[in-house]
């Protein structure tokens, strides 16, 4: 399912216009991004939890040359599925 198919499904389920459903989806993703940028977690009971994980600096290898390289520390978004979501796909 891509974004436009998700918007269509949301509009049909909630009785909204496609434009309203698209604005709702964009608001949802935007606000999750803003919360994660601030370092917050977003928990949706029964669905899952969005959070930020920190990756420590480490050394790696360039696969084409075998040269050792330094990889900087970074932050990455993470999602952990909740029980309701896990049960829904069984």
C-alpha atoms as a PDB file:
ATOM      1  CA  UNK A   1       0.000   0.000   0.000  1.00  0.00           C
ATOM      2  CA  UNK A   2       1.397   3.381  -0.939  1.00  0.00           C
ATOM      3  CA  UNK A   3       0.497   6.827   0.414  1.00  0.00           C
ATOM      4  CA  UNK A   4      -2.342   7.527  -2.025  1.00  0.00           C
ATOM      5  CA  UNK A   5      -3.908   4.112  -1.367  1.00  0.00           C
ATOM      6  CA  UNK A   6      -3.667   4.761   2.382  1.00  0.00           C
ATOM      7  CA  UNK A   7      -5.336   8.170   1.937  1.00  0.00           C
ATOM      8  CA  UNK A   8      -8.142   6.523  -0.077  1.00  0.00           C
ATOM      9  CA  UNK A   9      -8.661   3.878   2.637  1.00  0.00           C
ATOM     10  CA  UNK A  10      -8.645   6.482   5.417  1.00  0.00           C
ATOM     11  CA  UNK A  11     -11.168   8.634   3.547  1.00  0.00           C
ATOM     12  CA  UNK A  12     -13.489   5.667   3.016  1.00  0.00           C
ATOM     13  CA  UNK A  13     -13.226   4.404   6.613  1.00  0.00           C
ATOM     14  CA  UNK A  14     -13.704   7.791   8.277  1.00  0.00           C
ATOM     15  CA  UNK A  15     -16.192   9.277   5.832  1.00  0.00           C
ATOM     16  CA  UNK A  16     -13.818  12.109   4.924  1.00  0.00           C
ATOM     17  CA  UNK A  17     -12.929  13.676   1.625  1.00  0.00           C
ATOM     18  CA  UNK A  18      -9.624  12.536   0.160  1.00  0.00           C
ATOM     19  CA  UNK A  19      -8.205  16.027   0.720  1.00  0.00           C
ATOM     20  CA  UNK A  20      -9.139  15.932   4.419  1.00  0.00           C
ATOM     21  CA  UNK A  21      -7.696  12.426   4.787  1.00  0.00           C
ATOM     22  CA  UNK A  22      -4.450  13.525   3.114  1.00  0.00           C
ATOM     23  CA  UNK A  23      -4.147  16.546   5.423  1.00  0.00           C
ATOM     24  CA  UNK A  24      -4.765  14.279   8.437  1.00  0.00           C
ATOM     25  CA  UNK A  25      -2.077  11.823   7.318  1.00  0.00           C
ATOM     26  CA  UNK A  26       0.428  14.604   6.637  1.00  0.00           C
ATOM     27  CA  UNK A  27      -0.300  16.135  10.037  1.00  0.00           C
ATOM     28  CA  UNK A  28       0.166  12.741  11.700  1.00  0.00           C
ATOM     29  CA  UNK A  29       3.553  12.094  10.088  1.00  0.00           C
ATOM     30  CA  UNK A  30       4.711  15.683  10.583  1.00  0.00           C
ATOM     31  CA  UNK A  31       3.869  15.699  14.282  1.00  0.00           C
ATOM     32  CA  UNK A  32       5.580  12.359  14.867  1.00  0.00           C
ATOM     33  CA  UNK A  33       8.688  13.764  13.151  1.00  0.00           C
ATOM     34  CA  UNK A  34       8.598  16.913  15.298  1.00  0.00           C
ATOM     35  CA  UNK A  35       8.229  14.888  18.504  1.00  0.00           C
ATOM     36  CA  UNK A  36      11.128  12.611  17.574  1.00  0.00           C
ATOM     37  CA  UNK A  37      13.292  15.604  16.677  1.00  0.00           C
ATOM     38  CA  UNK A  38      12.717  16.950  20.210  1.00  0.00           C
ATOM     39  CA  UNK A  39      13.758  13.559  21.622  1.00  0.00           C
ATOM     40  CA  UNK A  40      10.263  12.510  22.697  1.00  0.00           C
ATOM     41  CA  UNK A  41       8.694   9.120  22.106  1.00  0.00           C
ATOM     42  CA  UNK A  42       5.237   8.679  20.593  1.00  0.00           C
ATOM     43  CA  UNK A  43       3.228   5.762  22.016  1.00  0.00           C
ATOM     44  CA  UNK A  44       0.017   4.632  20.369  1.00  0.00           C
ATOM     45  CA  UNK A  45      -1.457   1.947  22.621  1.00  0.00           C
ATOM     46  CA  UNK A  46      -2.238  -1.170  20.623  1.00  0.00           C
ATOM     47  CA  UNK A  47      -0.303   0.063  17.576  1.00  0.00           C
ATOM     48  CA  UNK A  48       3.282   0.754  18.621  1.00  0.00           C
ATOM     49  CA  UNK A  49       5.910   3.192  19.787  1.00  0.00           C
ATOM     50  CA  UNK A  50       8.024   5.574  17.734  1.00  0.00           C
ATOM     51  CA  UNK A  51      11.336   6.581  19.327  1.00  0.00           C
ATOM     52  CA  UNK A  52      14.864   7.732  18.545  1.00  0.00           C
ATOM     53  CA  UNK A  53      17.774   5.319  18.960  1.00  0.00           C
ATOM     54  CA  UNK A  54      21.353   6.505  19.312  1.00  0.00           C
ATOM     55  CA  UNK A  55      24.081   4.717  17.403  1.00  0.00           C
ATOM     56  CA  UNK A  56      27.574   4.986  18.834  1.00  0.00           C
ATOM     57  CA  UNK A  57      30.560   5.894  16.703  1.00  0.00           C
ATOM     58  CA  UNK A  58      32.283   2.822  15.322  1.00  0.00           C
ATOM     59  CA  UNK A  59      34.777   1.635  12.759  1.00  0.00           C
ATOM     60  CA  UNK A  60      33.766  -0.107   9.585  1.00  0.00           C
ATOM     61  CA  UNK A  61      35.246  -1.271   6.318  1.00  0.00           C
ATOM     62  CA  UNK A  62      34.783   0.004   2.807  1.00  0.00           C
ATOM     63  CA  UNK A  63      33.605  -3.159   1.031  1.00  0.00           C
ATOM     64  CA  UNK A  64      35.223  -2.288  -2.298  1.00  0.00           C
ATOM     65  CA  UNK A  65      38.698  -1.381  -0.980  1.00  0.00           C
ATOM     66  CA  UNK A  66      38.817  -3.068   2.431  1.00  0.00           C
ATOM     67  CA  UNK A  67      39.944   0.252   3.907  1.00  0.00           C
ATOM     68  CA  UNK A  68      39.024   0.900   7.557  1.00  0.00           C
ATOM     69  CA  UNK A  69      36.760   3.937   7.974  1.00  0.00           C
ATOM     70  CA  UNK A  70      35.313   5.803  10.949  1.00  0.00           C
ATOM     71  CA  UNK A  71      31.516   5.957  11.136  1.00  0.00           C
ATOM     72  CA  UNK A  72      30.185   8.908  13.138  1.00  0.00           C
ATOM     73  CA  UNK A  73      27.650   8.571  15.949  1.00  0.00           C
ATOM     74  CA  UNK A  74      24.099   9.151  14.754  1.00  0.00           C
ATOM     75  CA  UNK A  75      20.454   9.087  15.703  1.00  0.00           C
ATOM     76  CA  UNK A  76      17.913   6.967  13.859  1.00  0.00           C
ATOM     77  CA  UNK A  77      14.121   6.709  14.109  1.00  0.00           C
ATOM     78  CA  UNK A  78      12.792   3.440  15.455  1.00  0.00           C
ATOM     79  CA  UNK A  79       9.385   1.771  15.624  1.00  0.00           C
ATOM     80  CA  UNK A  80       8.421  -1.044  17.944  1.00  0.00           C
ATOM     81  CA  UNK A  81       5.124  -2.719  17.091  1.00  0.00           C
ATOM     82  CA  UNK A  82       2.557  -3.039  19.876  1.00  0.00           C
ATOM     83  CA  UNK A  83       0.623  -6.156  20.819  1.00  0.00           C
ATOM     84  CA  UNK A  84      -2.505  -5.103  18.899  1.00  0.00           C
ATOM     85  CA  UNK A  85      -0.554  -4.677  15.660  1.00  0.00           C
ATOM     86  CA  UNK A  86       1.325  -7.944  16.161  1.00  0.00           C
ATOM     87  CA  UNK A  87      -1.931  -9.795  16.798  1.00  0.00           C
ATOM     88  CA  UNK A  88      -3.574  -8.217  13.730  1.00  0.00           C
ATOM     89  CA  UNK A  89      -1.058  -9.763  11.341  1.00  0.00           C
ATOM     90  CA  UNK A  90      -1.121 -13.302  12.691  1.00  0.00           C
END
